[in-house]
Protein backbone atom coordinates (compact mmCIF):
# COMPACT_ATOMS: atom_id res chain seq x y z
CA LYS A 1 63.67 -47.80 7.86
CA ASP A 2 66.14 -49.44 5.76
CA VAL A 3 68.92 -48.96 8.30
CA THR A 4 67.15 -48.89 11.76
CA GLY A 5 63.90 -50.32 11.31
CA ALA A 6 62.22 -47.15 12.59
CA LYS A 7 58.93 -46.40 10.78
CA LEU A 8 58.72 -42.51 11.10
CA ASP A 9 55.29 -40.86 10.31
CA PHE A 10 56.14 -38.40 7.79
CA GLU A 11 52.08 -38.05 6.03
CA GLY A 12 50.95 -34.64 5.61
CA VAL A 13 54.50 -33.52 5.28
CA LYS A 14 56.03 -31.42 2.25
CA GLU A 15 58.86 -33.10 0.38
CA ASN A 16 62.36 -32.31 2.33
CA ASP A 17 60.73 -30.09 4.78
CA PRO A 18 63.76 -29.77 7.40
CA SER A 19 60.65 -29.59 10.55
CA ALA A 20 59.31 -32.74 9.80
CA LEU A 21 62.93 -33.77 11.50
CA HIS A 22 62.19 -32.22 14.64
CA LYS A 23 59.94 -34.66 16.78
CA PRO A 24 60.70 -37.80 15.62
CA LEU A 25 64.02 -36.92 15.95
CA MET A 26 64.61 -34.60 19.20
CA SER A 27 65.27 -37.53 21.30
CA GLY A 28 68.64 -38.36 19.76
CA GLN A 29 67.55 -42.12 20.38
CA LEU A 30 66.89 -42.61 16.55
CA LEU A 31 70.19 -40.69 15.71
CA CYS A 32 72.19 -42.53 18.00
CA GLU A 33 70.66 -46.06 16.77
CA LEU A 34 71.60 -44.76 13.33
CA VAL A 35 75.15 -44.08 13.93
CA ASN A 36 75.31 -47.63 16.07
CA CYS A 37 73.80 -49.22 12.49
CA ILE A 38 76.80 -47.35 10.34
CA GLN A 39 79.76 -48.58 12.95
CA PRO A 40 78.25 -50.99 15.99
CA GLY A 41 79.57 -49.36 19.30
CA CYS A 42 80.06 -45.52 17.96
CA VAL A 43 77.24 -44.56 20.73
CA LYS A 44 78.25 -46.73 23.85
CA ARG A 45 74.96 -45.46 25.76
CA ILE A 46 71.59 -44.25 24.42
CA GLU A 47 69.34 -42.49 27.06
CA ARG A 48 65.96 -43.89 26.96
CA LYS A 49 64.08 -41.21 28.75
CA GLU A 50 62.70 -37.93 27.36
CA ALA A 51 63.69 -35.43 29.77
CA PRO A 52 65.46 -32.60 28.00
CA PHE A 53 68.91 -33.19 29.71
CA GLN A 54 68.83 -37.16 28.68
CA MET A 55 67.24 -35.96 25.37
CA ARG A 56 70.53 -32.89 24.89
CA GLU A 57 73.15 -35.72 25.58
CA ASN A 58 72.04 -38.36 22.99
CA VAL A 59 72.01 -35.29 20.41
CA SER A 60 75.84 -34.23 21.37
CA ARG A 61 76.45 -38.35 21.69
CA PHE A 62 75.46 -38.43 17.64
CA ILE A 63 77.06 -35.00 16.56
CA ALA A 64 80.61 -36.49 17.87
CA ALA A 65 80.01 -40.01 16.68
CA ALA A 66 78.75 -38.05 12.96
CA LYS A 67 81.99 -36.06 13.13
CA SER A 68 84.14 -39.52 13.88
CA LEU A 69 82.51 -41.16 10.91
CA GLY A 70 83.93 -38.11 8.44
CA VAL A 71 81.29 -35.50 9.01
CA PRO A 72 83.11 -32.58 7.86
CA THR A 73 83.15 -29.74 11.07
CA ASN A 74 81.23 -27.47 8.95
CA GLU A 75 77.95 -29.45 8.40
CA LEU A 76 77.12 -30.65 11.80
CA PHE A 77 74.69 -28.77 13.99
CA ASP A 78 74.35 -28.43 17.39
CA THR A 79 72.51 -29.43 19.97
CA PRO A 80 70.18 -26.78 20.17
CA ASP A 81 69.26 -26.59 16.13
CA LEU A 82 67.81 -30.15 17.03
CA VAL A 83 66.53 -30.61 20.47
CA GLU A 84 64.52 -26.41 20.54
CA GLY A 85 64.03 -26.59 16.89
CA ARG A 86 66.34 -23.87 16.46
CA ASN A 87 67.98 -24.85 12.82
CA LEU A 88 66.11 -27.72 11.46
CA ARG A 89 67.99 -27.21 8.10
CA GLN A 90 71.12 -27.73 9.75
CA VAL A 91 70.17 -31.02 11.21
CA GLN A 92 68.88 -32.10 7.24
CA ILE A 93 72.31 -30.66 5.91
CA CYS A 94 73.93 -33.12 8.80
CA LEU A 95 71.98 -36.17 8.31
CA TYR A 96 72.68 -35.84 4.10
CA ALA A 97 76.40 -35.37 5.04
CA LEU A 98 76.35 -38.32 7.27
CA GLY A 99 75.40 -39.92 4.42
CA ARG A 100 78.09 -38.82 2.27
CA ALA A 101 80.52 -40.02 4.34
CA CYS A 102 79.09 -43.84 5.00
CA PHE A 103 79.42 -43.98 1.27
CA ASN A 104 83.22 -43.16 0.86
CA MET A 105 83.80 -45.08 4.35
CA GLU A 106 86.18 -48.48 3.85
CA GLN A 107 83.70 -52.08 3.79
């Protein structure tokens, strides 16, 4: 919320439960907005339709942007990990890694 202004509803979800990330992030829109807040223009086009192909495109663009911002390859996730909910723990790891990468970025 502090970065993108988006309000996520985690009511009734256990703290640090990666499954809570699936619904609000699976379209990739919020993730693309996040990296654009960190580095404007990092993701040039964000698909606003929530069709499966567009969601996959957004998530792929986020992953590429995260890598360009310094997230190590072993801490990135694959598109199906988020879109299909296969490995939400890896999505969580990637978001933490993005935070660390931002902390280490030059201002």
